[in-house]
Amino acid sequence: MILDRIENAQRYKGMHPVVDQALDYLQKTDFSNIEIGRHHINDQLDAIVDEYETVAAESSQYEAHKKYIDVQLILSGEEYMGVVPLTYQTPSKPYDAEKDFALYQVAGQMIHVKTNMFVIFFPTDLHMPCIGTPPRKIRKVVMKAQINPDGSI
């Protein structure tokens, strides 16, 4: 997991070509006029622009992906995101290859993510975004950066 401000994104270039593309897209795009929804960027990269209200951690579960690295940028608002390394935890909902996620009911650590901050979640990270009480309105973009089909970076 990586947590930083978007103006520092260049520090993380070179990890993976599609992560570089995601960070470039986040830095160069004016999201104020982009509609809510999924936007196809290229064969390995989609942008999901979303607006929602945060929820209590007790009503959520951690998620994990095998085919995608998530690069999440808070456009407005602030939320907490849970994170814990994926080791040998047993999923509460087994991996769904079509939707590329499994769910886990585990304890983790919360990070505070504010406007213009981004988080990179790798397949080795369990993560639980969208957390905050009382509920707060959030506008966020999630870049779905596809990695190798076997899950390797």
Protein backbone atom coordinates (compact mmCIF):
# COMPACT_ATOMS: atom_id res chain seq x y z
CA MET A 1 0.00 0.00 0.00
CA ILE A 2 1.15 3.51 -0.78
CA LEU A 3 -0.44 6.68 0.63
CA ASP A 4 0.62 10.15 -0.57
CA ARG A 5 -0.54 13.42 -2.10
CA ILE A 6 -1.14 13.52 -5.86
CA GLU A 7 1.56 16.16 -6.38
CA ASN A 8 4.09 13.54 -5.24
CA ALA A 9 2.95 10.88 -7.71
CA GLN A 10 6.18 11.06 -9.74
CA ARG A 11 8.00 9.45 -6.78
CA TYR A 12 6.20 6.18 -7.53
CA LYS A 13 6.82 5.99 -11.27
CA GLY A 14 8.61 2.89 -12.50
CA MET A 15 6.87 0.32 -10.29
CA HIS A 16 4.69 -0.93 -13.11
CA PRO A 17 3.87 0.60 -16.53
CA VAL A 18 0.11 0.58 -15.96
CA VAL A 19 0.50 2.22 -12.53
CA ASP A 20 2.53 4.92 -14.28
CA GLN A 21 -0.35 5.39 -16.75
CA ALA A 22 -2.87 5.60 -13.89
CA LEU A 23 -0.83 8.21 -12.02
CA ASP A 24 -0.33 10.25 -15.22
CA TYR A 25 -4.07 10.14 -15.89
CA LEU A 26 -4.87 11.26 -12.34
CA GLN A 27 -2.42 14.16 -12.54
CA LYS A 28 -3.46 15.40 -16.00
CA THR A 29 -7.25 15.00 -15.90
CA ASP A 30 -9.75 17.63 -14.80
CA PHE A 31 -12.40 15.49 -13.09
CA SER A 32 -14.81 18.37 -12.44
CA ASN A 33 -16.68 17.68 -15.69
CA ILE A 34 -16.30 13.90 -15.87
CA GLU A 35 -19.52 11.97 -15.32
CA ILE A 36 -20.00 9.43 -12.58
CA GLY A 37 -19.35 5.90 -13.85
CA ARG A 38 -16.73 3.67 -15.40
CA HIS A 39 -14.57 5.12 -18.18
CA HIS A 40 -12.41 2.88 -20.35
CA ILE A 41 -8.94 4.42 -20.81
CA ASN A 42 -7.14 1.54 -22.57
CA ASP A 43 -6.95 -2.27 -22.52
CA GLN A 44 -5.30 -2.27 -19.08
CA LEU A 45 -6.82 0.78 -17.43
CA ASP A 46 -10.27 2.00 -16.41
CA ALA A 47 -11.29 5.00 -14.31
CA ILE A 48 -14.32 4.76 -12.04
CA VAL A 49 -15.62 8.15 -10.90
CA ASP A 50 -17.98 7.89 -7.95
CA GLU A 51 -19.84 10.00 -5.40
CA TYR A 52 -21.19 8.47 -2.20
CA GLU A 53 -21.53 8.89 1.53
CA THR A 54 -19.14 7.15 3.86
CA VAL A 55 -20.36 4.27 6.05
CA ALA A 56 -19.45 2.75 9.40
CA ALA A 57 -16.62 0.21 9.40
CA GLU A 58 -18.86 -2.30 11.18
CA SER A 59 -21.07 -2.49 8.09
CA SER A 60 -18.19 -3.19 5.68
CA GLN A 61 -15.67 -5.90 4.91
CA TYR A 62 -12.16 -5.88 3.51
CA GLU A 63 -11.74 -6.70 -0.16
CA ALA A 64 -8.89 -8.11 -2.22
CA HIS A 65 -8.22 -8.26 -5.95
CA LYS A 66 -5.96 -10.53 -7.99
CA LYS A 67 -6.09 -8.95 -11.47
CA TYR A 68 -6.04 -5.25 -10.59
CA ILE A 69 -4.08 -2.69 -8.65
CA ASP A 70 -6.42 -0.01 -7.29
CA VAL A 71 -5.20 3.58 -7.41
CA GLN A 72 -7.75 5.64 -5.47
CA LEU A 73 -7.74 9.45 -5.46
CA ILE A 74 -10.05 11.51 -3.23
CA LEU A 75 -11.35 14.40 -5.35
CA SER A 76 -13.37 16.00 -2.53
CA GLY A 77 -14.08 15.11 1.06
CA GLU A 78 -12.19 12.77 3.34
CA GLU A 79 -12.63 9.19 4.42
CA TYR A 80 -10.94 6.41 6.29
CA MET A 81 -9.71 3.29 4.57
CA GLY A 82 -8.85 0.08 6.34
CA VAL A 83 -5.76 -1.84 5.27
CA VAL A 84 -4.11 -5.08 6.33
CA PRO A 85 -1.61 -7.32 4.52
CA LEU A 86 -3.16 -10.32 2.79
CA THR A 87 -1.49 -13.37 4.24
CA TYR A 88 -3.43 -16.53 5.00
CA GLN A 89 -6.79 -15.11 6.06
CA THR A 90 -9.88 -17.10 5.14
CA PRO A 91 -12.32 -15.14 2.98
CA SER A 92 -15.88 -14.61 4.17
CA LYS A 93 -16.85 -14.53 0.48
CA PRO A 94 -14.62 -16.63 -1.80
CA TYR A 95 -12.82 -15.08 -4.74
CA ASP A 96 -15.08 -14.33 -7.73
CA ALA A 97 -12.85 -14.38 -10.82
CA GLU A 98 -15.41 -12.57 -12.99
CA LYS A 99 -15.76 -9.65 -10.54
CA ASP A 100 -12.13 -9.95 -9.33
CA PHE A 101 -12.71 -9.74 -5.61
CA ALA A 102 -12.97 -11.70 -2.40
CA LEU A 103 -14.26 -10.36 0.90
CA TYR A 104 -12.71 -10.77 4.34
CA GLN A 105 -13.96 -10.13 7.87
CA VAL A 106 -10.69 -9.24 9.61
CA ALA A 107 -9.21 -6.53 11.83
CA GLY A 108 -6.96 -3.95 10.22
CA GLN A 109 -5.55 -0.47 10.55
CA MET A 110 -7.38 2.68 9.43
CA ILE A 111 -5.70 5.41 7.40
CA HIS A 112 -7.13 8.92 6.96
CA VAL A 113 -7.31 9.95 3.30
CA LYS A 114 -8.13 13.57 2.44
CA THR A 115 -8.79 15.56 -0.73
CA ASN A 116 -5.93 15.26 -3.28
CA MET A 117 -4.46 12.22 -1.55
CA PHE A 118 -4.14 8.88 -3.32
CA VAL A 119 -3.73 5.31 -2.17
CA ILE A 120 -2.34 2.42 -4.18
CA PHE A 121 -3.64 -0.98 -3.10
CA PHE A 122 -1.79 -4.01 -4.49
CA PRO A 123 -3.10 -7.60 -4.69
CA THR A 124 -1.22 -8.25 -1.44
CA ASP A 125 -3.32 -5.61 0.38
CA LEU A 126 -6.73 -6.19 1.90
CA HIS A 127 -8.52 -2.85 1.84
CA MET A 128 -11.80 -1.36 3.04
CA PRO A 129 -12.54 2.08 1.55
CA CYS A 130 -15.52 4.41 2.05
CA ILE A 131 -15.40 4.53 5.86
CA GLY A 132 -16.45 7.46 8.02
CA THR A 133 -18.99 8.38 10.67
CA PRO A 134 -20.96 10.50 10.69
CA PRO A 135 -21.53 9.96 6.95
CA ARG A 136 -19.61 12.37 4.71
CA LYS A 137 -20.05 13.03 1.00
CA ILE A 138 -17.09 11.88 -1.08
CA ARG A 139 -16.13 12.28 -4.73
CA LYS A 140 -13.41 9.85 -5.73
CA VAL A 141 -11.82 8.23 -8.74
CA VAL A 142 -10.59 4.64 -8.65
CA MET A 143 -8.16 3.61 -11.36
CA LYS A 144 -8.39 -0.12 -12.06
CA ALA A 145 -4.91 -0.97 -13.34
CA GLN A 146 -4.83 -4.49 -14.77
CA ILE A 147 -1.74 -6.53 -14.02
CA ASN A 148 -0.76 -9.96 -15.28
CA PRO A 149 -3.60 -12.53 -15.42
CA ASP A 150 -1.79 -14.73 -12.89
CA GLY A 151 -1.77 -11.85 -10.42
CA SER A 152 1.95 -11.15 -10.68
CA ILE A 153 3.14 -7.59 -11.02
